[in-house]
N, C-alpha and C. Protein backbone atom coordinates (compact mmCIF):
# COMPACT_ATOMS: atom_id res chain seq x y z
N MET A 1 20.07 -6.52 -12.37
CA MET A 1 18.69 -6.14 -12.51
C MET A 1 17.82 -7.10 -11.69
N ALA A 2 16.99 -6.54 -10.85
CA ALA A 2 16.18 -7.35 -9.93
C ALA A 2 15.21 -8.25 -10.66
N THR A 3 14.73 -7.82 -11.82
CA THR A 3 13.72 -8.62 -12.51
C THR A 3 14.31 -9.74 -13.36
N ALA A 4 15.61 -9.92 -13.35
CA ALA A 4 16.25 -10.98 -14.14
C ALA A 4 15.76 -12.37 -13.72
N LYS A 5 15.27 -12.50 -12.51
CA LYS A 5 14.76 -13.78 -12.02
C LYS A 5 13.39 -14.12 -12.62
N ILE A 6 12.74 -13.13 -13.21
CA ILE A 6 11.39 -13.30 -13.75
C ILE A 6 11.50 -13.71 -15.22
N ARG A 7 10.77 -14.78 -15.56
CA ARG A 7 10.82 -15.29 -16.93
C ARG A 7 9.42 -15.60 -17.43
N LYS A 8 9.27 -15.47 -18.74
CA LYS A 8 8.06 -15.91 -19.42
C LYS A 8 8.48 -17.03 -20.36
N THR A 9 7.91 -18.21 -20.15
CA THR A 9 8.26 -19.37 -20.97
C THR A 9 6.99 -19.94 -21.59
N PRO A 10 6.92 -19.95 -22.93
CA PRO A 10 5.73 -20.54 -23.57
C PRO A 10 5.50 -21.97 -23.07
N GLY A 11 4.25 -22.27 -22.76
CA GLY A 11 3.90 -23.61 -22.31
C GLY A 11 4.01 -23.81 -20.81
N ILE A 12 4.56 -22.84 -20.10
CA ILE A 12 4.66 -22.94 -18.64
C ILE A 12 3.83 -21.82 -18.04
N CYS A 13 2.86 -22.18 -17.23
CA CYS A 13 1.93 -21.21 -16.61
C CYS A 13 1.29 -20.32 -17.67
N ASN A 14 0.95 -20.91 -18.80
CA ASN A 14 0.33 -20.17 -19.91
C ASN A 14 1.16 -18.98 -20.37
N GLY A 15 2.46 -19.07 -20.22
CA GLY A 15 3.34 -17.99 -20.65
C GLY A 15 3.40 -16.80 -19.71
N ALA A 16 2.79 -16.94 -18.53
CA ALA A 16 2.78 -15.84 -17.56
C ALA A 16 4.18 -15.61 -16.99
N ALA A 17 4.42 -14.40 -16.54
CA ALA A 17 5.68 -14.07 -15.88
C ALA A 17 5.77 -14.87 -14.57
N CYS A 18 6.86 -15.62 -14.42
CA CYS A 18 7.06 -16.48 -13.24
C CYS A 18 8.46 -16.26 -12.69
N ILE A 19 8.63 -16.66 -11.44
CA ILE A 19 9.98 -16.74 -10.89
C ILE A 19 10.57 -17.99 -11.54
N GLY A 20 11.56 -17.78 -12.39
CA GLY A 20 12.07 -18.79 -13.30
C GLY A 20 12.23 -20.19 -12.77
N ARG A 21 12.95 -20.37 -11.70
CA ARG A 21 13.25 -21.72 -11.24
C ARG A 21 12.10 -22.35 -10.46
N THR A 22 11.05 -21.59 -10.16
CA THR A 22 9.96 -22.12 -9.34
C THR A 22 8.66 -22.33 -10.11
N GLN A 23 8.50 -21.64 -11.22
CA GLN A 23 7.26 -21.66 -11.98
C GLN A 23 6.08 -21.12 -11.17
N ILE A 24 6.35 -20.25 -10.21
CA ILE A 24 5.29 -19.57 -9.46
C ILE A 24 5.01 -18.25 -10.19
N PRO A 25 3.76 -18.05 -10.64
CA PRO A 25 3.45 -16.82 -11.38
C PRO A 25 3.52 -15.57 -10.50
N VAL A 26 4.04 -14.51 -11.09
CA VAL A 26 4.10 -13.23 -10.39
C VAL A 26 2.70 -12.80 -9.96
N TRP A 27 1.71 -12.97 -10.86
CA TRP A 27 0.36 -12.52 -10.54
C TRP A 27 -0.17 -13.20 -9.28
N GLN A 28 0.18 -14.46 -9.07
CA GLN A 28 -0.31 -15.20 -7.90
C GLN A 28 0.23 -14.59 -6.61
N LEU A 29 1.50 -14.25 -6.59
CA LEU A 29 2.10 -13.66 -5.39
C LEU A 29 1.56 -12.25 -5.15
N ILE A 30 1.38 -11.49 -6.22
CA ILE A 30 0.82 -10.14 -6.07
C ILE A 30 -0.63 -10.22 -5.58
N ALA A 31 -1.40 -11.17 -6.09
CA ALA A 31 -2.78 -11.34 -5.63
C ALA A 31 -2.82 -11.70 -4.15
N LEU A 32 -1.93 -12.56 -3.71
CA LEU A 32 -1.87 -12.92 -2.29
C LEU A 32 -1.51 -11.71 -1.43
N ARG A 33 -0.57 -10.89 -1.91
CA ARG A 33 -0.21 -9.67 -1.19
C ARG A 33 -1.42 -8.75 -1.07
N ALA A 34 -2.19 -8.64 -2.15
CA ALA A 34 -3.38 -7.77 -2.15
C ALA A 34 -4.43 -8.27 -1.16
N GLN A 35 -4.40 -9.57 -0.87
CA GLN A 35 -5.34 -10.15 0.10
C GLN A 35 -4.81 -10.05 1.53
N GLY A 36 -3.64 -9.43 1.70
CA GLY A 36 -3.11 -9.20 3.03
C GLY A 36 -1.98 -10.11 3.46
N CYS A 37 -1.52 -10.96 2.58
CA CYS A 37 -0.42 -11.88 2.91
C CYS A 37 0.90 -11.10 2.92
N SER A 38 1.63 -11.19 3.99
CA SER A 38 2.91 -10.47 4.11
C SER A 38 4.02 -11.23 3.40
N ASP A 39 5.14 -10.55 3.17
CA ASP A 39 6.30 -11.23 2.59
C ASP A 39 6.74 -12.37 3.50
N ALA A 40 6.70 -12.17 4.80
CA ALA A 40 7.09 -13.23 5.74
C ALA A 40 6.20 -14.46 5.56
N ASN A 41 4.91 -14.24 5.40
CA ASN A 41 3.99 -15.36 5.18
C ASN A 41 4.26 -16.05 3.85
N LEU A 42 4.52 -15.25 2.81
CA LEU A 42 4.84 -15.84 1.51
C LEU A 42 6.09 -16.71 1.59
N LEU A 43 7.10 -16.22 2.29
CA LEU A 43 8.34 -16.99 2.43
C LEU A 43 8.10 -18.27 3.22
N SER A 44 7.19 -18.22 4.18
CA SER A 44 6.86 -19.41 4.95
C SER A 44 6.03 -20.40 4.12
N ASP A 45 5.06 -19.87 3.36
CA ASP A 45 4.18 -20.71 2.56
C ASP A 45 4.86 -21.27 1.31
N TYR A 46 5.86 -20.55 0.82
CA TYR A 46 6.61 -20.96 -0.38
C TYR A 46 8.10 -21.01 -0.02
N PRO A 47 8.53 -22.06 0.67
CA PRO A 47 9.91 -22.11 1.17
C PRO A 47 10.97 -22.08 0.07
N GLN A 48 10.57 -22.34 -1.16
CA GLN A 48 11.54 -22.28 -2.26
C GLN A 48 11.86 -20.84 -2.67
N LEU A 49 11.08 -19.87 -2.17
CA LEU A 49 11.32 -18.46 -2.48
C LEU A 49 12.32 -17.84 -1.53
N THR A 50 13.00 -16.81 -2.03
CA THR A 50 13.93 -16.03 -1.21
C THR A 50 13.44 -14.58 -1.16
N ARG A 51 14.02 -13.80 -0.27
CA ARG A 51 13.70 -12.37 -0.22
C ARG A 51 14.03 -11.69 -1.55
N ASP A 52 15.12 -12.12 -2.18
CA ASP A 52 15.48 -11.56 -3.49
C ASP A 52 14.42 -11.89 -4.54
N ASP A 53 13.83 -13.08 -4.46
CA ASP A 53 12.75 -13.43 -5.38
C ASP A 53 11.57 -12.47 -5.20
N LEU A 54 11.20 -12.21 -3.95
CA LEU A 54 10.07 -11.32 -3.70
C LEU A 54 10.40 -9.89 -4.13
N LYS A 55 11.63 -9.47 -3.96
CA LYS A 55 12.05 -8.15 -4.44
C LYS A 55 11.88 -8.08 -5.95
N ALA A 56 12.26 -9.14 -6.65
CA ALA A 56 12.10 -9.19 -8.10
C ALA A 56 10.63 -9.14 -8.49
N VAL A 57 9.78 -9.83 -7.74
CA VAL A 57 8.34 -9.82 -8.00
C VAL A 57 7.79 -8.41 -7.85
N HIS A 58 8.15 -7.73 -6.76
CA HIS A 58 7.64 -6.37 -6.51
C HIS A 58 8.15 -5.40 -7.58
N THR A 59 9.40 -5.54 -7.97
CA THR A 59 9.96 -4.68 -9.01
C THR A 59 9.28 -4.93 -10.35
N TYR A 60 9.10 -6.21 -10.68
CA TYR A 60 8.43 -6.56 -11.94
C TYR A 60 7.01 -5.99 -11.95
N TYR A 61 6.32 -6.12 -10.84
CA TYR A 61 4.95 -5.60 -10.77
C TYR A 61 4.94 -4.08 -10.95
N ALA A 62 5.86 -3.40 -10.31
CA ALA A 62 5.92 -1.94 -10.44
C ALA A 62 6.15 -1.52 -11.89
N GLN A 63 6.88 -2.32 -12.63
CA GLN A 63 7.20 -2.00 -14.02
C GLN A 63 6.17 -2.54 -15.01
N ASN A 64 5.32 -3.47 -14.58
CA ASN A 64 4.37 -4.16 -15.47
C ASN A 64 3.00 -4.30 -14.81
N THR A 65 2.55 -3.25 -14.16
CA THR A 65 1.32 -3.30 -13.38
C THR A 65 0.11 -3.73 -14.21
N GLU A 66 -0.04 -3.16 -15.39
CA GLU A 66 -1.21 -3.50 -16.21
C GLU A 66 -1.23 -4.98 -16.59
N GLU A 67 -0.07 -5.52 -16.95
CA GLU A 67 0.02 -6.94 -17.31
C GLU A 67 -0.40 -7.84 -16.15
N ILE A 68 0.12 -7.56 -14.97
CA ILE A 68 -0.15 -8.42 -13.81
C ILE A 68 -1.59 -8.24 -13.34
N ASP A 69 -2.08 -7.00 -13.31
CA ASP A 69 -3.47 -6.77 -12.92
C ASP A 69 -4.43 -7.47 -13.89
N ALA A 70 -4.11 -7.48 -15.18
CA ALA A 70 -4.95 -8.17 -16.16
C ALA A 70 -4.92 -9.68 -15.93
N ALA A 71 -3.76 -10.22 -15.57
CA ALA A 71 -3.65 -11.66 -15.29
C ALA A 71 -4.47 -12.03 -14.06
N ILE A 72 -4.44 -11.18 -13.04
CA ILE A 72 -5.23 -11.42 -11.83
C ILE A 72 -6.71 -11.38 -12.17
N ALA A 73 -7.12 -10.38 -12.93
CA ALA A 73 -8.53 -10.26 -13.32
C ALA A 73 -8.97 -11.47 -14.15
N ALA A 74 -8.12 -11.91 -15.06
CA ALA A 74 -8.46 -13.08 -15.88
C ALA A 74 -8.60 -14.33 -15.03
N GLU A 75 -7.73 -14.50 -14.07
CA GLU A 75 -7.80 -15.67 -13.18
C GLU A 75 -9.08 -15.63 -12.36
N HIS A 76 -9.46 -14.46 -11.87
CA HIS A 76 -10.68 -14.35 -11.06
C HIS A 76 -11.93 -14.57 -11.91
N SER A 77 -11.88 -14.17 -13.17
CA SER A 77 -13.06 -14.38 -14.03
C SER A 77 -13.22 -15.84 -14.41
N GLU A 78 -12.11 -16.60 -14.43
CA GLU A 78 -12.16 -18.03 -14.74
C GLU A 78 -12.58 -18.84 -13.52
N GLY A 79 -12.20 -18.36 -12.34
CA GLY A 79 -12.42 -19.12 -11.11
C GLY A 79 -13.77 -18.92 -10.61
């Protein structure tokens, strides 16, 4: 399952869905994509990520769109 790399851990990133070993929130990567950042740019900017990680992020987002969109909206309202 592609989303097996995605984890929610209480106390880490406020319990947001993250790429487990990196603690990078899914919402952050999806927000960057929405701003026009390509997968190639994400891989360059986050060298700890792999193409499989990004595939997991995209799959997780497709299956949990409301959750991730709400996290992005919450982050923007705080910032």
